[in-house]
């Protein structure tokens, strides 16, 4: 069963920077997503939502095809094409697959203005490799549909990795700054 994980980012552009990484992990077989959405909450409080799939576009394309086929039967292919596209687009717009739009807007309105969030509806993931690839973006766990135990483990893995990175950076800076004899 797919699980929902919402990652928050302190910067508005950060979620958009993560999307290519998510798509690369899907191509590599590290991650299978049923859906994803990106939300930016602008400093004025307005939300900018982008989803992986456009049901309106898919509905319009399917409706245009069926409309044209029915139009050919009645010797009006262009009228059928237009009516089918309009009807399909409306039906696609009304259909809501994947992550619920209301949920996206509700959680999006709760994040800090000037930040962003990434909603991942995960079917399967190679957890350790996915966390390792997301670590440079400094995500925070905003919300999940995981059990409390699984959520705690995920949160600990994300914070442990961040703490290990901070320790490694401090050690490197100290080593570079130390005088040599």
N, C-alpha and C. Protein backbone atom coordinates (compact mmCIF):
# COMPACT_ATOMS: atom_id res chain seq x y z
N UNK A 1 0.84 -1.18 0.00
CA UNK A 1 0.00 0.00 0.00
C UNK A 1 0.89 1.25 0.00
N UNK A 2 0.59 2.22 -0.87
CA UNK A 2 1.40 3.44 -0.91
C UNK A 2 1.33 4.23 0.40
N UNK A 3 2.43 4.89 0.71
CA UNK A 3 2.52 5.73 1.90
C UNK A 3 2.78 7.17 1.47
N UNK A 4 2.23 8.11 2.20
CA UNK A 4 2.42 9.52 1.91
C UNK A 4 3.48 10.10 2.84
N UNK A 5 4.46 10.79 2.26
CA UNK A 5 5.50 11.46 3.02
C UNK A 5 5.58 12.90 2.51
N UNK A 6 5.50 13.86 3.41
CA UNK A 6 5.60 15.27 3.06
C UNK A 6 6.90 15.81 3.63
N UNK A 7 7.76 16.29 2.75
CA UNK A 7 9.05 16.86 3.14
C UNK A 7 8.99 18.38 3.00
N UNK A 8 9.48 19.07 4.01
CA UNK A 8 9.50 20.53 3.98
C UNK A 8 10.91 21.04 3.72
N UNK A 9 10.98 22.21 3.09
CA UNK A 9 12.27 22.84 2.78
C UNK A 9 12.19 24.31 3.16
N UNK A 10 13.27 24.85 3.68
CA UNK A 10 13.29 26.23 4.16
C UNK A 10 13.23 27.26 3.03
N UNK A 11 13.64 26.87 1.84
CA UNK A 11 13.67 27.81 0.72
C UNK A 11 12.57 27.49 -0.28
N UNK A 12 12.07 28.52 -0.96
CA UNK A 12 10.99 28.34 -1.92
C UNK A 12 11.42 27.49 -3.12
N UNK A 13 12.66 27.57 -3.54
CA UNK A 13 13.11 26.88 -4.75
C UNK A 13 13.59 25.45 -4.47
N UNK A 14 13.78 25.10 -3.23
CA UNK A 14 14.40 23.82 -2.88
C UNK A 14 13.57 22.62 -3.35
N UNK A 15 12.25 22.65 -3.19
CA UNK A 15 11.42 21.51 -3.62
C UNK A 15 11.55 21.29 -5.13
N UNK A 16 11.63 22.39 -5.90
CA UNK A 16 11.81 22.26 -7.35
C UNK A 16 13.17 21.65 -7.68
N UNK A 17 14.17 21.91 -6.85
CA UNK A 17 15.50 21.33 -7.07
C UNK A 17 15.51 19.83 -6.77
N UNK A 18 14.62 19.38 -5.89
CA UNK A 18 14.56 17.97 -5.51
C UNK A 18 13.85 17.13 -6.58
N UNK A 19 12.90 17.71 -7.31
CA UNK A 19 12.10 16.95 -8.28
C UNK A 19 12.96 16.19 -9.29
N UNK A 20 13.99 16.80 -9.92
CA UNK A 20 14.83 16.00 -10.85
C UNK A 20 15.52 14.82 -10.15
N UNK A 21 15.90 15.00 -8.90
CA UNK A 21 16.52 13.91 -8.14
C UNK A 21 15.52 12.78 -7.91
N UNK A 22 14.27 13.14 -7.61
CA UNK A 22 13.20 12.15 -7.41
C UNK A 22 12.97 11.39 -8.72
N UNK A 23 12.90 12.12 -9.82
CA UNK A 23 12.67 11.47 -11.12
C UNK A 23 13.85 10.56 -11.49
N UNK A 24 15.06 10.97 -11.16
CA UNK A 24 16.24 10.13 -11.42
C UNK A 24 16.18 8.85 -10.59
N UNK A 25 15.78 8.96 -9.33
CA UNK A 25 15.67 7.77 -8.48
C UNK A 25 14.59 6.82 -8.99
N UNK A 26 13.53 7.37 -9.58
CA UNK A 26 12.51 6.51 -10.19
C UNK A 26 13.08 5.74 -11.38
N UNK A 27 13.84 6.43 -12.24
CA UNK A 27 14.45 5.78 -13.40
C UNK A 27 15.43 4.69 -12.97
N UNK A 28 16.13 4.92 -11.85
CA UNK A 28 17.11 3.97 -11.35
C UNK A 28 16.48 2.83 -10.56
N UNK A 29 15.17 2.88 -10.32
CA UNK A 29 14.49 1.82 -9.60
C UNK A 29 14.63 1.89 -8.08
N UNK A 30 15.10 3.02 -7.57
CA UNK A 30 15.22 3.19 -6.12
C UNK A 30 13.92 3.63 -5.48
N UNK A 31 13.00 4.14 -6.30
CA UNK A 31 11.78 4.75 -5.80
C UNK A 31 10.67 4.55 -6.81
N UNK A 32 9.50 4.12 -6.34
CA UNK A 32 8.30 4.04 -7.18
C UNK A 32 7.27 4.96 -6.56
N UNK A 33 6.86 5.98 -7.31
CA UNK A 33 5.87 6.92 -6.81
C UNK A 33 4.54 6.73 -7.53
N UNK A 34 3.46 6.73 -6.77
CA UNK A 34 2.13 6.72 -7.36
C UNK A 34 1.78 8.15 -7.80
N UNK A 35 2.31 9.15 -7.10
CA UNK A 35 2.05 10.55 -7.43
C UNK A 35 3.01 11.41 -6.61
N UNK A 36 3.19 12.64 -7.02
CA UNK A 36 3.92 13.62 -6.23
C UNK A 36 3.36 15.00 -6.51
N UNK A 37 3.58 15.90 -5.59
CA UNK A 37 3.16 17.30 -5.75
C UNK A 37 4.18 18.19 -5.06
N UNK A 38 4.36 19.36 -5.63
CA UNK A 38 5.26 20.35 -5.05
C UNK A 38 4.44 21.58 -4.71
N UNK A 39 4.65 22.12 -3.50
CA UNK A 39 3.94 23.31 -3.05
C UNK A 39 4.97 24.36 -2.66
N UNK A 40 4.78 25.56 -3.15
CA UNK A 40 5.58 26.71 -2.72
C UNK A 40 4.62 27.67 -2.04
N UNK A 41 4.98 28.08 -0.85
CA UNK A 41 4.18 29.11 -0.17
C UNK A 41 4.98 30.41 -0.26
N UNK A 42 4.47 31.30 -1.07
CA UNK A 42 5.16 32.56 -1.34
C UNK A 42 5.13 33.45 -0.08
N UNK A 43 6.01 34.44 -0.03
CA UNK A 43 6.04 35.32 1.15
C UNK A 43 4.70 36.00 1.43
N UNK A 44 3.88 36.23 0.37
CA UNK A 44 2.57 36.85 0.59
C UNK A 44 1.51 35.84 1.03
N UNK A 45 1.92 34.56 1.20
CA UNK A 45 1.01 33.53 1.69
C UNK A 45 0.31 32.72 0.60
N UNK A 46 0.41 33.15 -0.66
CA UNK A 46 -0.24 32.42 -1.75
C UNK A 46 0.49 31.12 -2.03
N UNK A 47 -0.29 30.11 -2.45
CA UNK A 47 0.28 28.79 -2.75
C UNK A 47 0.45 28.60 -4.25
N UNK A 48 1.56 27.98 -4.62
CA UNK A 48 1.82 27.58 -6.00
C UNK A 48 1.98 26.07 -5.98
N UNK A 49 1.02 25.35 -6.58
CA UNK A 49 1.00 23.89 -6.53
C UNK A 49 1.30 23.33 -7.93
N UNK A 50 2.18 22.35 -7.98
CA UNK A 50 2.47 21.64 -9.24
C UNK A 50 2.39 20.15 -8.94
N UNK A 51 1.60 19.42 -9.74
CA UNK A 51 1.48 17.99 -9.55
C UNK A 51 2.10 17.24 -10.71
N UNK A 52 2.46 15.99 -10.46
CA UNK A 52 3.12 15.17 -11.46
C UNK A 52 2.20 14.88 -12.64
N UNK A 53 0.93 14.65 -12.37
CA UNK A 53 0.01 14.29 -13.44
C UNK A 53 -1.09 15.33 -13.56
N UNK A 54 -1.42 15.64 -14.80
CA UNK A 54 -2.51 16.55 -15.07
C UNK A 54 -3.70 15.74 -15.55
N UNK A 55 -4.68 15.56 -14.69
CA UNK A 55 -5.86 14.78 -15.08
C UNK A 55 -6.68 15.53 -16.12
N UNK A 56 -6.65 16.86 -16.11
CA UNK A 56 -7.39 17.63 -17.11
C UNK A 56 -6.80 17.41 -18.50
N UNK A 57 -5.48 17.43 -18.60
CA UNK A 57 -4.82 17.22 -19.90
C UNK A 57 -5.07 15.83 -20.45
N UNK A 58 -4.94 14.83 -19.57
CA UNK A 58 -5.18 13.45 -20.00
C UNK A 58 -6.63 13.26 -20.40
N UNK A 59 -7.55 13.86 -19.66
CA UNK A 59 -8.98 13.76 -19.98
C UNK A 59 -9.31 14.43 -21.29
N UNK A 60 -8.71 15.58 -21.56
CA UNK A 60 -8.95 16.29 -22.81
C UNK A 60 -8.45 15.48 -24.00
N UNK A 61 -7.28 14.88 -23.87
CA UNK A 61 -6.72 14.07 -24.96
C UNK A 61 -7.60 12.86 -25.23
N UNK A 62 -7.99 12.17 -24.17
CA UNK A 62 -8.86 11.00 -24.33
C UNK A 62 -10.22 11.38 -24.89
N UNK A 63 -10.77 12.47 -24.39
CA UNK A 63 -12.07 12.95 -24.87
C UNK A 63 -12.02 13.36 -26.32
N UNK A 64 -10.93 13.99 -26.74
CA UNK A 64 -10.79 14.40 -28.14
C UNK A 64 -10.77 13.18 -29.05
N UNK A 65 -10.05 12.14 -28.65
CA UNK A 65 -9.99 10.92 -29.45
C UNK A 65 -11.37 10.29 -29.59
N UNK A 66 -12.04 10.09 -28.45
CA UNK A 66 -13.38 9.48 -28.50
C UNK A 66 -14.37 10.37 -29.23
N UNK A 67 -14.29 11.68 -29.02
CA UNK A 67 -15.18 12.61 -29.71
C UNK A 67 -15.00 12.57 -31.20
N UNK A 68 -13.75 12.48 -31.65
CA UNK A 68 -13.48 12.41 -33.09
C UNK A 68 -14.03 11.10 -33.67
N UNK A 69 -13.86 9.99 -32.93
CA UNK A 69 -14.38 8.71 -33.42
C UNK A 69 -15.91 8.75 -33.55
N UNK A 70 -16.59 9.31 -32.54
CA UNK A 70 -18.05 9.43 -32.63
C UNK A 70 -18.44 10.43 -33.72
N UNK A 71 -17.64 11.48 -33.87
CA UNK A 71 -17.90 12.46 -34.93
C UNK A 71 -17.78 11.85 -36.31
N UNK A 72 -16.85 10.93 -36.49
CA UNK A 72 -16.70 10.25 -37.78
C UNK A 72 -17.94 9.42 -38.10
N UNK A 73 -18.54 8.83 -37.08
CA UNK A 73 -19.76 8.04 -37.29
C UNK A 73 -20.91 8.92 -37.82
N UNK A 74 -20.96 10.16 -37.36
CA UNK A 74 -22.04 11.07 -37.76
C UNK A 74 -21.57 12.10 -38.77
N UNK A 75 -20.41 11.85 -39.39
CA UNK A 75 -19.84 12.70 -40.43
C UNK A 75 -19.57 14.13 -39.96
N UNK A 76 -19.21 14.29 -38.69
CA UNK A 76 -18.83 15.60 -38.13
C UNK A 76 -17.60 15.41 -37.24
N UNK A 77 -16.45 14.99 -37.81
CA UNK A 77 -15.29 14.68 -36.95
C UNK A 77 -14.76 15.88 -36.18
N UNK A 78 -14.76 17.08 -36.77
CA UNK A 78 -14.22 18.25 -36.07
C UNK A 78 -15.10 18.66 -34.90
N UNK A 79 -16.41 18.61 -35.10
CA UNK A 79 -17.33 18.94 -34.01
C UNK A 79 -17.19 17.90 -32.89
N UNK A 80 -17.09 16.64 -33.25
CA UNK A 80 -16.91 15.58 -32.26
C UNK A 80 -15.61 15.74 -31.50
N UNK A 81 -14.55 16.11 -32.24
CA UNK A 81 -13.24 16.33 -31.63
C UNK A 81 -13.32 17.45 -30.58
N UNK A 82 -13.94 18.57 -30.96
CA UNK A 82 -14.04 19.72 -30.05
C UNK A 82 -14.90 19.39 -28.82
N UNK A 83 -16.05 18.81 -29.05
CA UNK A 83 -16.95 18.47 -27.94
C UNK A 83 -16.29 17.43 -27.03
N UNK A 84 -15.63 16.44 -27.62
CA UNK A 84 -14.96 15.41 -26.83
C UNK A 84 -13.83 15.98 -25.99
N UNK A 85 -13.06 16.91 -26.57
CA UNK A 85 -11.95 17.51 -25.83
C UNK A 85 -12.45 18.33 -24.65
N UNK A 86 -13.51 19.09 -24.88
CA UNK A 86 -14.06 19.92 -23.80
C UNK A 86 -14.63 19.03 -22.69
N UNK A 87 -15.41 18.03 -23.08
CA UNK A 87 -16.01 17.13 -22.10
C UNK A 87 -14.92 16.36 -21.34
N UNK A 88 -13.95 15.83 -22.06
CA UNK A 88 -12.85 15.08 -21.43
C UNK A 88 -12.04 15.94 -20.49
N UNK A 89 -11.78 17.18 -20.89
CA UNK A 89 -11.03 18.10 -20.03
C UNK A 89 -11.77 18.39 -18.73
N UNK A 90 -13.09 18.62 -18.83
CA UNK A 90 -13.90 18.87 -17.64
C UNK A 90 -13.94 17.65 -16.73
N UNK A 91 -14.12 16.48 -17.32
CA UNK A 91 -14.16 15.26 -16.52
C UNK A 91 -12.80 15.00 -15.85
N UNK A 92 -11.71 15.24 -16.58
CA UNK A 92 -10.38 15.07 -16.01
C UNK A 92 -10.12 16.05 -14.88
N UNK A 93 -10.61 17.28 -15.04
CA UNK A 93 -10.43 18.30 -14.01
C UNK A 93 -11.19 17.92 -12.73
N UNK A 94 -12.36 17.31 -12.90
CA UNK A 94 -13.16 16.92 -11.74
C UNK A 94 -12.63 15.66 -11.07
N UNK A 95 -11.94 14.82 -11.84
CA UNK A 95 -11.38 13.59 -11.26
C UNK A 95 -10.14 13.96 -10.46
N UNK A 96 -9.94 13.31 -9.34
CA UNK A 96 -8.77 13.58 -8.51
C UNK A 96 -8.10 12.26 -8.18
N UNK A 97 -6.99 12.01 -8.83
CA UNK A 97 -6.24 10.78 -8.59
C UNK A 97 -5.00 11.11 -7.77
N UNK A 98 -4.50 10.12 -7.06
CA UNK A 98 -3.27 10.31 -6.30
C UNK A 98 -3.52 11.09 -5.02
N UNK A 99 -2.71 12.11 -4.80
CA UNK A 99 -2.77 12.90 -3.57
C UNK A 99 -3.95 13.87 -3.65
N UNK A 100 -4.76 13.89 -2.62
CA UNK A 100 -5.95 14.73 -2.57
C UNK A 100 -5.59 16.21 -2.63
N UNK A 101 -6.21 16.94 -3.56
CA UNK A 101 -5.92 18.37 -3.74
C UNK A 101 -6.21 19.19 -2.48
N UNK A 102 -7.29 18.87 -1.79
CA UNK A 102 -7.64 19.61 -0.57
C UNK A 102 -6.56 19.40 0.49
N UNK A 103 -6.07 18.17 0.61
CA UNK A 103 -5.01 17.87 1.58
C UNK A 103 -3.75 18.67 1.24
N UNK A 104 -3.40 18.72 -0.04
CA UNK A 104 -2.21 19.47 -0.47
C UNK A 104 -2.35 20.94 -0.07
N UNK A 105 -3.51 21.52 -0.33
CA UNK A 105 -3.71 22.93 -0.01
C UNK A 105 -3.75 23.17 1.50
N UNK A 106 -4.36 22.24 2.24
CA UNK A 106 -4.40 22.39 3.71
C UNK A 106 -3.00 22.37 4.31
N UNK A 107 -2.20 21.38 3.94
CA UNK A 107 -0.84 21.29 4.48
C UNK A 107 0.02 22.43 3.94
N UNK A 108 -0.16 22.77 2.67
CA UNK A 108 0.59 23.87 2.08
C UNK A 108 0.36 25.19 2.78
N UNK A 109 -0.88 25.41 3.24
CA UNK A 109 -1.18 26.67 3.94
C UNK A 109 -0.60 26.69 5.35
N UNK A 110 -0.15 25.54 5.85
CA UNK A 110 0.43 25.47 7.19
C UNK A 110 1.95 25.67 7.19
N UNK A 111 2.59 25.55 6.02
CA UNK A 111 4.05 25.73 6.00
C UNK A 111 4.38 27.22 6.05
N UNK A 112 5.58 27.53 6.46
CA UNK A 112 6.03 28.89 6.63
C UNK A 112 6.07 29.63 5.29
N UNK A 113 5.57 30.88 5.24
CA UNK A 113 5.71 31.65 4.00
C UNK A 113 7.19 31.77 3.60
N UNK A 114 7.47 31.64 2.32
CA UNK A 114 8.84 31.69 1.82
C UNK A 114 9.51 30.33 1.82
N UNK A 115 8.72 29.26 2.01
CA UNK A 115 9.29 27.90 2.02
C UNK A 115 8.54 27.03 1.02
N UNK A 116 8.91 25.76 0.96
CA UNK A 116 8.28 24.84 0.02
C UNK A 116 8.15 23.46 0.64
N UNK A 117 7.35 22.62 -0.01
CA UNK A 117 7.15 21.25 0.46
C UNK A 117 6.99 20.33 -0.74
N UNK A 118 7.35 19.09 -0.53
CA UNK A 118 7.23 18.07 -1.57
C UNK A 118 6.42 16.92 -1.00
N UNK A 119 5.31 16.59 -1.65
CA UNK A 119 4.42 15.51 -1.24
C UNK A 119 4.76 14.30 -2.10
N UNK A 120 5.14 13.20 -1.47
CA UNK A 120 5.52 11.98 -2.19
C UNK A 120 4.57 10.86 -1.79
N UNK A 121 3.87 10.30 -2.76
CA UNK A 121 2.97 9.17 -2.54
C UNK A 121 3.75 7.94 -3.00
N UNK A 122 4.43 7.29 -2.06
CA UNK A 122 5.45 6.28 -2.35
C UNK A 122 4.86 4.87 -2.35
N UNK A 123 5.04 4.15 -3.47
CA UNK A 123 4.63 2.75 -3.56
C UNK A 123 5.72 1.84 -3.02
N UNK A 124 6.98 2.18 -3.34
CA UNK A 124 8.12 1.37 -2.91
C UNK A 124 9.35 2.26 -2.90
N UNK A 125 10.25 2.02 -1.94
CA UNK A 125 11.48 2.81 -1.88
C UNK A 125 12.59 2.00 -1.25
N UNK A 126 13.81 2.26 -1.71
CA UNK A 126 15.01 1.74 -1.07
C UNK A 126 15.44 2.82 -0.09
N UNK A 127 14.93 2.72 1.14
CA UNK A 127 15.01 3.78 2.13
C UNK A 127 16.36 4.41 2.33
N UNK A 128 17.39 3.60 2.60
CA UNK A 128 18.70 4.17 2.92
C UNK A 128 19.28 4.96 1.75
N UNK A 129 19.11 4.46 0.53
CA UNK A 129 19.67 5.15 -0.65
C UNK A 129 18.88 6.42 -0.97
N UNK A 130 17.57 6.36 -0.78
CA UNK A 130 16.74 7.55 -1.03
C UNK A 130 17.09 8.64 -0.02
N UNK A 131 17.20 8.29 1.25
CA UNK A 131 17.55 9.28 2.28
C UNK A 131 18.93 9.89 1.98
N UNK A 132 19.88 9.04 1.59
CA UNK A 132 21.22 9.53 1.26
C UNK A 132 21.19 10.54 0.12
N UNK A 133 20.35 10.29 -0.89
CA UNK A 133 20.27 11.20 -2.05
C UNK A 133 19.52 12.50 -1.71
N UNK A 134 18.61 12.43 -0.74
CA UNK A 134 17.85 13.63 -0.37
C UNK A 134 18.56 14.48 0.68
N UNK A 135 19.49 13.89 1.39
CA UNK A 135 20.19 14.57 2.49
C UNK A 135 20.77 15.94 2.12
N UNK A 136 21.41 16.12 0.96
CA UNK A 136 21.98 17.44 0.65
C UNK A 136 20.95 18.57 0.57
N UNK A 137 19.67 18.24 0.44
CA UNK A 137 18.63 19.25 0.33
C UNK A 137 18.07 19.67 1.69
N UNK A 138 18.53 19.03 2.77
CA UNK A 138 18.12 19.33 4.14
C UNK A 138 16.60 19.33 4.33
N UNK A 139 15.93 18.23 3.98
CA UNK A 139 14.48 18.20 4.17
C UNK A 139 14.11 17.99 5.63
N UNK A 140 12.94 18.46 5.99
CA UNK A 140 12.37 18.15 7.30
C UNK A 140 11.09 17.36 7.06
N UNK A 141 10.83 16.42 7.92
CA UNK A 141 9.64 15.60 7.80
C UNK A 141 8.45 16.39 8.34
N UNK A 142 7.51 16.73 7.46
CA UNK A 142 6.36 17.54 7.84
C UNK A 142 5.20 16.65 8.28
N UNK A 143 4.90 15.63 7.48
CA UNK A 143 3.78 14.75 7.79
C UNK A 143 3.95 13.45 7.02
N UNK A 144 3.43 12.35 7.58
CA UNK A 144 3.46 11.06 6.89
C UNK A 144 2.19 10.28 7.20
N UNK A 145 1.98 9.23 6.42
CA UNK A 145 0.90 8.28 6.72
C UNK A 145 1.48 7.00 7.31
N UNK A 146 2.77 7.04 7.65
CA UNK A 146 3.44 5.89 8.24
C UNK A 146 2.97 5.64 9.66
N UNK A 147 3.22 4.44 10.16
CA UNK A 147 2.97 4.16 11.57
C UNK A 147 3.91 5.04 12.40
N UNK A 148 3.57 5.26 13.65
CA UNK A 148 4.40 6.11 14.50
C UNK A 148 5.82 5.58 14.60
N UNK A 149 5.96 4.26 14.71
CA UNK A 149 7.28 3.63 14.81
C UNK A 149 8.10 3.88 13.54
N UNK A 150 7.46 3.66 12.38
CA UNK A 150 8.16 3.87 11.10
C UNK A 150 8.50 5.34 10.90
N UNK A 151 7.59 6.23 11.30
CA UNK A 151 7.85 7.67 11.18
C UNK A 151 9.02 8.08 12.07
N UNK A 152 9.07 7.55 13.29
CA UNK A 152 10.18 7.86 14.20
C UNK A 152 11.50 7.38 13.63
N UNK A 153 11.52 6.18 13.04
CA UNK A 153 12.75 5.66 12.43
C UNK A 153 13.19 6.52 11.25
N UNK A 154 12.23 6.95 10.42
CA UNK A 154 12.56 7.81 9.28
C UNK A 154 13.11 9.15 9.76
N UNK A 155 12.45 9.73 10.75
CA UNK A 155 12.91 11.02 11.30
C UNK A 155 14.31 10.88 11.89
N UNK A 156 14.56 9.77 12.62
CA UNK A 156 15.88 9.54 13.22
C UNK A 156 16.94 9.36 12.14
N UNK A 157 16.60 8.65 11.07
CA UNK A 157 17.56 8.43 9.97
C UNK A 157 17.90 9.75 9.30
N UNK A 158 16.90 10.60 9.11
CA UNK A 158 17.14 11.89 8.47
C UNK A 158 17.96 12.81 9.36
N UNK A 159 17.66 12.84 10.66
CA UNK A 159 18.41 13.72 11.57
C UNK A 159 19.79 13.15 11.87
N UNK A 160 19.93 11.83 11.93
CA UNK A 160 21.24 11.22 12.17
C UNK A 160 22.17 11.52 11.01
N UNK A 161 21.66 11.44 9.81
CA UNK A 161 22.47 11.75 8.63
C UNK A 161 22.87 13.22 8.64
N UNK A 162 21.94 14.10 9.00
CA UNK A 162 22.25 15.52 9.04
C UNK A 162 23.29 15.81 10.13
N UNK A 163 23.15 15.15 11.27
CA UNK A 163 24.12 15.35 12.36
C UNK A 163 25.49 14.82 11.96
N UNK A 164 25.53 13.68 11.25
CA UNK A 164 26.81 13.13 10.79
C UNK A 164 27.48 14.07 9.79
N UNK A 165 26.67 14.69 8.91
CA UNK A 165 27.22 15.65 7.95
C UNK A 165 27.80 16.87 8.66
N UNK A 166 27.07 17.38 9.66
CA UNK A 166 27.54 18.56 10.39
C UNK A 166 28.84 18.24 11.12
N UNK A 167 28.94 17.05 11.71
CA UNK A 167 30.15 16.64 12.41
C UNK A 167 31.31 16.51 11.42
N UNK A 168 31.04 15.94 10.26
CA UNK A 168 32.09 15.77 9.24
C UNK A 168 32.57 17.13 8.74
N UNK A 169 31.64 18.09 8.54
CA UNK A 169 32.03 19.42 8.10
C UNK A 169 32.88 20.11 9.15
N UNK A 170 32.49 20.02 10.41
CA UNK A 170 33.24 20.64 11.50
C UNK A 170 34.63 20.03 11.60
N UNK A 171 34.74 18.71 11.48
CA UNK A 171 36.03 18.03 11.54
C UNK A 171 36.92 18.48 10.39
N UNK A 172 36.35 18.58 9.18
CA UNK A 172 37.12 19.01 8.02
C UNK A 172 37.61 20.44 8.19
N UNK A 173 36.73 21.34 8.66
CA UNK A 173 37.12 22.73 8.85
C UNK A 173 38.20 22.84 9.92
N UNK A 174 38.11 22.08 11.00
CA UNK A 174 39.09 22.11 12.06
C UNK A 174 40.43 21.60 11.56
N UNK A 175 40.42 20.52 10.78
CA UNK A 175 41.65 19.96 10.23
C UNK A 175 42.31 20.93 9.29
N UNK A 176 41.50 21.62 8.44
CA UNK A 176 42.07 22.57 7.49
C UNK A 176 42.62 23.79 8.19
N UNK A 177 41.99 24.20 9.31
CA UNK A 177 42.41 25.41 10.00
C UNK A 177 43.58 25.17 10.95
N UNK A 178 43.85 23.91 11.29
CA UNK A 178 44.92 23.60 12.26
C UNK A 178 46.28 23.93 11.65
N UNK A 179 47.13 24.59 12.43
CA UNK A 179 48.49 24.89 11.91
C UNK A 179 49.32 23.61 11.79
N UNK A 180 50.16 23.62 10.79
CA UNK A 180 51.03 22.46 10.58
C UNK A 180 52.41 22.79 11.10
N UNK A 181 53.11 21.80 11.61
CA UNK A 181 54.42 22.02 12.21
C UNK A 181 55.51 21.82 11.19
